Amino acid sequence: MDFLTFKSFISIEALIIFYYIGALILPIGIWLLLLWLVRKYKLLNTSYEKGKEVIWKLLNREQKIKFVAIFVILFLFMQLFWRMFFEFLIAYMQIRDALLLT
């Protein structure tokens, strides 16, 4: 009951589980959701196809590679930030526990 009244913190194991949910399951789930939405709704499918066609026709090969590379780099930075955020939360809890023991 202490957890529900915020008298005790969430456990480190729970934070690790939420980290993996956010790092692995959430990006894959969002990607699958977007694929499903594009297939289900004709307006979204048409917009997606037209947008993709226009963008890829405007960009040359070098610009396409840069575009994909920027997307991959941004995704990796997002993953790094997510990891650092959870490391901070875990370190905070460990520091708090160490201070309470002294």
N, C-alpha and C. Protein backbone atom coordinates (compact mmCIF):
# COMPACT_ATOMS: atom_id res chain seq x y z
N MET A 1 0.82 -1.21 0.00
CA MET A 1 0.00 0.00 0.00
C MET A 1 0.86 1.26 0.00
N ASP A 2 2.10 1.15 0.49
CA ASP A 2 2.98 2.31 0.52
C ASP A 2 3.28 2.82 -0.89
N PHE A 3 3.31 1.91 -1.86
CA PHE A 3 3.58 2.31 -3.23
C PHE A 3 2.46 3.21 -3.76
N LEU A 4 1.23 2.89 -3.45
CA LEU A 4 0.09 3.68 -3.94
C LEU A 4 0.00 5.05 -3.29
N THR A 5 0.54 5.20 -2.09
CA THR A 5 0.51 6.49 -1.41
C THR A 5 1.82 7.25 -1.58
N PHE A 6 2.71 6.75 -2.41
CA PHE A 6 4.00 7.37 -2.73
C PHE A 6 4.92 7.47 -1.51
N LYS A 7 4.79 6.55 -0.57
CA LYS A 7 5.71 6.49 0.55
C LYS A 7 6.93 5.63 0.22
N SER A 8 6.83 4.83 -0.82
CA SER A 8 7.98 4.07 -1.31
C SER A 8 8.09 4.26 -2.81
N PHE A 9 9.32 4.13 -3.31
CA PHE A 9 9.56 4.34 -4.74
C PHE A 9 9.33 3.05 -5.52
N ILE A 10 9.18 3.23 -6.81
CA ILE A 10 9.06 2.09 -7.71
C ILE A 10 10.40 1.35 -7.70
N SER A 11 10.38 0.07 -7.90
CA SER A 11 11.62 -0.70 -7.81
C SER A 11 12.47 -0.53 -9.07
N ILE A 12 13.75 -0.81 -8.93
CA ILE A 12 14.67 -0.73 -10.06
C ILE A 12 14.28 -1.74 -11.13
N GLU A 13 13.82 -2.91 -10.73
CA GLU A 13 13.40 -3.92 -11.71
C GLU A 13 12.25 -3.41 -12.57
N ALA A 14 11.32 -2.68 -11.97
CA ALA A 14 10.21 -2.13 -12.74
C ALA A 14 10.71 -1.08 -13.73
N LEU A 15 11.68 -0.27 -13.30
CA LEU A 15 12.25 0.72 -14.22
C LEU A 15 12.93 0.04 -15.40
N ILE A 16 13.62 -1.05 -15.16
CA ILE A 16 14.29 -1.77 -16.24
C ILE A 16 13.26 -2.33 -17.22
N ILE A 17 12.16 -2.84 -16.70
CA ILE A 17 11.09 -3.35 -17.57
C ILE A 17 10.52 -2.21 -18.42
N PHE A 18 10.26 -1.05 -17.80
CA PHE A 18 9.73 0.08 -18.56
C PHE A 18 10.75 0.60 -19.57
N TYR A 19 12.03 0.51 -19.24
CA TYR A 19 13.06 0.90 -20.20
C TYR A 19 12.96 0.05 -21.45
N TYR A 20 12.88 -1.26 -21.29
CA TYR A 20 12.81 -2.15 -22.46
C TYR A 20 11.51 -1.97 -23.23
N ILE A 21 10.43 -1.69 -22.52
CA ILE A 21 9.17 -1.42 -23.22
C ILE A 21 9.32 -0.19 -24.11
N GLY A 22 9.92 0.86 -23.57
CA GLY A 22 10.09 2.09 -24.34
C GLY A 22 11.15 1.99 -25.42
N ALA A 23 12.18 1.18 -25.19
CA ALA A 23 13.28 1.10 -26.15
C ALA A 23 13.01 0.12 -27.28
N LEU A 24 12.30 -0.94 -27.01
CA LEU A 24 12.09 -1.98 -28.02
C LEU A 24 10.65 -2.07 -28.50
N ILE A 25 9.75 -2.25 -27.57
CA ILE A 25 8.35 -2.52 -27.93
C ILE A 25 7.66 -1.28 -28.50
N LEU A 26 7.89 -0.12 -27.91
CA LEU A 26 7.21 1.10 -28.35
C LEU A 26 7.57 1.50 -29.79
N PRO A 27 8.85 1.56 -30.19
CA PRO A 27 9.13 1.91 -31.60
C PRO A 27 8.56 0.90 -32.59
N ILE A 28 8.67 -0.38 -32.28
CA ILE A 28 8.13 -1.40 -33.18
C ILE A 28 6.61 -1.31 -33.23
N GLY A 29 5.99 -1.10 -32.07
CA GLY A 29 4.54 -0.97 -32.01
C GLY A 29 4.02 0.23 -32.77
N ILE A 30 4.71 1.35 -32.66
CA ILE A 30 4.29 2.56 -33.38
C ILE A 30 4.43 2.35 -34.89
N TRP A 31 5.53 1.71 -35.29
CA TRP A 31 5.75 1.44 -36.71
C TRP A 31 4.64 0.53 -37.26
N LEU A 32 4.31 -0.52 -36.52
CA LEU A 32 3.24 -1.42 -36.96
C LEU A 32 1.88 -0.72 -36.97
N LEU A 33 1.63 0.15 -35.99
CA LEU A 33 0.39 0.91 -35.96
C LEU A 33 0.28 1.83 -37.17
N LEU A 34 1.37 2.51 -37.52
CA LEU A 34 1.34 3.38 -38.69
C LEU A 34 1.11 2.59 -39.98
N LEU A 35 1.76 1.43 -40.09
CA LEU A 35 1.51 0.58 -41.26
C LEU A 35 0.05 0.16 -41.34
N TRP A 36 -0.53 -0.20 -40.22
CA TRP A 36 -1.93 -0.61 -40.18
C TRP A 36 -2.85 0.56 -40.56
N LEU A 37 -2.55 1.76 -40.03
CA LEU A 37 -3.38 2.93 -40.35
C LEU A 37 -3.30 3.29 -41.82
N VAL A 38 -2.10 3.20 -42.39
CA VAL A 38 -1.95 3.51 -43.82
C VAL A 38 -2.71 2.51 -44.68
N ARG A 39 -2.70 1.25 -44.27
CA ARG A 39 -3.44 0.24 -45.04
C ARG A 39 -4.96 0.37 -44.86
N LYS A 40 -5.39 0.74 -43.67
CA LYS A 40 -6.81 0.78 -43.38
C LYS A 40 -7.51 1.99 -43.99
N TYR A 41 -6.89 3.16 -43.93
CA TYR A 41 -7.54 4.39 -44.38
C TYR A 41 -6.96 4.83 -45.72
N LYS A 42 -7.82 4.90 -46.71
CA LYS A 42 -7.40 5.22 -48.08
C LYS A 42 -6.80 6.62 -48.16
N LEU A 43 -7.34 7.58 -47.42
CA LEU A 43 -6.81 8.95 -47.44
C LEU A 43 -5.36 8.98 -46.95
N LEU A 44 -5.09 8.28 -45.86
CA LEU A 44 -3.71 8.21 -45.35
C LEU A 44 -2.80 7.50 -46.34
N ASN A 45 -3.28 6.44 -46.94
CA ASN A 45 -2.49 5.70 -47.91
C ASN A 45 -2.16 6.58 -49.11
N THR A 46 -3.15 7.30 -49.61
CA THR A 46 -2.93 8.19 -50.75
C THR A 46 -1.93 9.29 -50.40
N SER A 47 -2.11 9.90 -49.24
CA SER A 47 -1.19 10.96 -48.80
C SER A 47 0.22 10.43 -48.64
N TYR A 48 0.35 9.27 -48.05
CA TYR A 48 1.66 8.66 -47.85
C TYR A 48 2.34 8.37 -49.18
N GLU A 49 1.62 7.75 -50.10
CA GLU A 49 2.20 7.38 -51.39
C GLU A 49 2.59 8.62 -52.19
N LYS A 50 1.71 9.63 -52.22
CA LYS A 50 2.02 10.85 -52.98
C LYS A 50 3.21 11.57 -52.36
N GLY A 51 3.23 11.68 -51.03
CA GLY A 51 4.33 12.35 -50.35
C GLY A 51 5.65 11.65 -50.58
N LYS A 52 5.63 10.33 -50.48
CA LYS A 52 6.85 9.54 -50.71
C LYS A 52 7.34 9.71 -52.14
N GLU A 53 6.39 9.68 -53.08
CA GLU A 53 6.74 9.82 -54.49
C GLU A 53 7.36 11.19 -54.78
N VAL A 54 6.77 12.25 -54.25
CA VAL A 54 7.28 13.61 -54.48
C VAL A 54 8.67 13.78 -53.86
N ILE A 55 8.82 13.33 -52.62
CA ILE A 55 10.10 13.51 -51.93
C ILE A 55 11.21 12.73 -52.62
N TRP A 56 10.96 11.47 -52.97
CA TRP A 56 12.00 10.66 -53.58
C TRP A 56 12.34 11.12 -55.00
N LYS A 57 11.38 11.75 -55.69
CA LYS A 57 11.69 12.29 -57.02
C LYS A 57 12.53 13.56 -56.93
N LEU A 58 12.30 14.36 -55.88
CA LEU A 58 13.04 15.62 -55.72
C LEU A 58 14.49 15.39 -55.28
N LEU A 59 14.74 14.33 -54.53
CA LEU A 59 16.07 14.09 -53.97
C LEU A 59 16.91 13.24 -54.91
N ASN A 60 18.19 13.61 -55.01
CA ASN A 60 19.09 12.74 -55.76
C ASN A 60 19.62 11.64 -54.82
N ARG A 61 20.46 10.78 -55.34
CA ARG A 61 20.93 9.61 -54.56
C ARG A 61 21.66 10.03 -53.28
N GLU A 62 22.52 11.04 -53.40
CA GLU A 62 23.28 11.50 -52.23
C GLU A 62 22.36 12.09 -51.16
N GLN A 63 21.36 12.86 -51.58
CA GLN A 63 20.41 13.45 -50.64
C GLN A 63 19.54 12.38 -49.98
N LYS A 64 19.19 11.34 -50.72
CA LYS A 64 18.42 10.23 -50.13
C LYS A 64 19.22 9.53 -49.05
N ILE A 65 20.51 9.31 -49.31
CA ILE A 65 21.37 8.66 -48.32
C ILE A 65 21.49 9.54 -47.08
N LYS A 66 21.66 10.86 -47.27
CA LYS A 66 21.74 11.78 -46.14
C LYS A 66 20.43 11.79 -45.34
N PHE A 67 19.31 11.76 -46.06
CA PHE A 67 18.00 11.78 -45.40
C PHE A 67 17.83 10.54 -44.51
N VAL A 68 18.15 9.39 -45.03
CA VAL A 68 18.04 8.15 -44.26
C VAL A 68 19.04 8.15 -43.11
N ALA A 69 20.26 8.64 -43.36
CA ALA A 69 21.29 8.69 -42.31
C ALA A 69 20.87 9.61 -41.17
N ILE A 70 20.28 10.75 -41.50
CA ILE A 70 19.81 11.66 -40.45
C ILE A 70 18.71 11.01 -39.62
N PHE A 71 17.80 10.31 -40.29
CA PHE A 71 16.74 9.61 -39.56
C PHE A 71 17.31 8.57 -38.61
N VAL A 72 18.28 7.78 -39.09
CA VAL A 72 18.90 6.75 -38.26
C VAL A 72 19.64 7.38 -37.09
N ILE A 73 20.38 8.46 -37.34
CA ILE A 73 21.12 9.13 -36.27
C ILE A 73 20.16 9.70 -35.23
N LEU A 74 19.07 10.31 -35.68
CA LEU A 74 18.08 10.84 -34.72
C LEU A 74 17.46 9.72 -33.90
N PHE A 75 17.19 8.60 -34.52
CA PHE A 75 16.63 7.46 -33.79
C PHE A 75 17.64 6.96 -32.74
N LEU A 76 18.89 6.88 -33.11
CA LEU A 76 19.91 6.42 -32.16
C LEU A 76 20.09 7.40 -31.00
N PHE A 77 20.04 8.71 -31.30
CA PHE A 77 20.11 9.69 -30.22
C PHE A 77 18.90 9.61 -29.30
N MET A 78 17.74 9.34 -29.87
CA MET A 78 16.54 9.17 -29.05
C MET A 78 16.71 7.97 -28.12
N GLN A 79 17.27 6.87 -28.65
CA GLN A 79 17.51 5.69 -27.83
C GLN A 79 18.55 5.98 -26.75
N LEU A 80 19.58 6.74 -27.08
CA LEU A 80 20.60 7.12 -26.10
C LEU A 80 20.00 7.97 -24.99
N PHE A 81 19.18 8.93 -25.36
CA PHE A 81 18.52 9.77 -24.35
C PHE A 81 17.63 8.93 -23.44
N TRP A 82 16.88 8.01 -24.03
CA TRP A 82 16.00 7.13 -23.25
C TRP A 82 16.81 6.33 -22.24
N ARG A 83 17.97 5.78 -22.69
CA ARG A 83 18.83 5.01 -21.80
C ARG A 83 19.39 5.89 -20.68
N MET A 84 19.86 7.08 -21.01
CA MET A 84 20.43 7.97 -20.00
C MET A 84 19.37 8.41 -18.98
N PHE A 85 18.15 8.62 -19.46
CA PHE A 85 17.06 9.00 -18.56
C PHE A 85 16.81 7.91 -17.52
N PHE A 86 16.76 6.66 -17.95
CA PHE A 86 16.52 5.57 -17.02
C PHE A 86 17.73 5.31 -16.14
N GLU A 87 18.94 5.50 -16.66
CA GLU A 87 20.12 5.38 -15.81
C GLU A 87 20.10 6.43 -14.71
N PHE A 88 19.66 7.64 -15.05
CA PHE A 88 19.54 8.69 -14.04
C PHE A 88 18.53 8.29 -12.97
N LEU A 89 17.38 7.79 -13.38
CA LEU A 89 16.37 7.39 -12.40
C LEU A 89 16.87 6.27 -11.49
N ILE A 90 17.56 5.30 -12.06
CA ILE A 90 18.09 4.19 -11.26
C ILE A 90 19.17 4.70 -10.32
N ALA A 91 20.06 5.57 -10.81
CA ALA A 91 21.11 6.12 -9.95
C ALA A 91 20.51 6.94 -8.83
N TYR A 92 19.47 7.71 -9.13
CA TYR A 92 18.80 8.50 -8.10
C TYR A 92 18.26 7.59 -7.00
N MET A 93 17.64 6.51 -7.39
CA MET A 93 17.08 5.61 -6.39
C MET A 93 18.18 4.94 -5.57
N GLN A 94 19.30 4.59 -6.20
CA GLN A 94 20.40 3.98 -5.48
C GLN A 94 21.05 4.97 -4.51
N ILE A 95 21.19 6.22 -4.93
CA ILE A 95 21.74 7.24 -4.05
C ILE A 95 20.81 7.48 -2.87
N ARG A 96 19.53 7.54 -3.13
CA ARG A 96 18.55 7.73 -2.04
C ARG A 96 18.62 6.58 -1.06
N ASP A 97 18.68 5.35 -1.56
CA ASP A 97 18.76 4.19 -0.68
C ASP A 97 20.03 4.22 0.15
N ALA A 98 21.15 4.61 -0.45
CA ALA A 98 22.42 4.69 0.27
C ALA A 98 22.37 5.77 1.35
N LEU A 99 21.72 6.88 1.06
CA LEU A 99 21.63 7.94 2.06
C LEU A 99 20.70 7.55 3.21
N LEU A 100 19.66 6.80 2.92
CA LEU A 100 18.76 6.37 3.99
C LEU A 100 19.41 5.35 4.92
N LEU A 101 20.38 4.58 4.40
CA LEU A 101 21.06 3.58 5.22
C LEU A 101 22.06 4.21 6.19
N THR A 102 22.56 5.40 5.88
CA THR A 102 23.55 6.04 6.76
C THR A 102 22.91 6.85 7.85
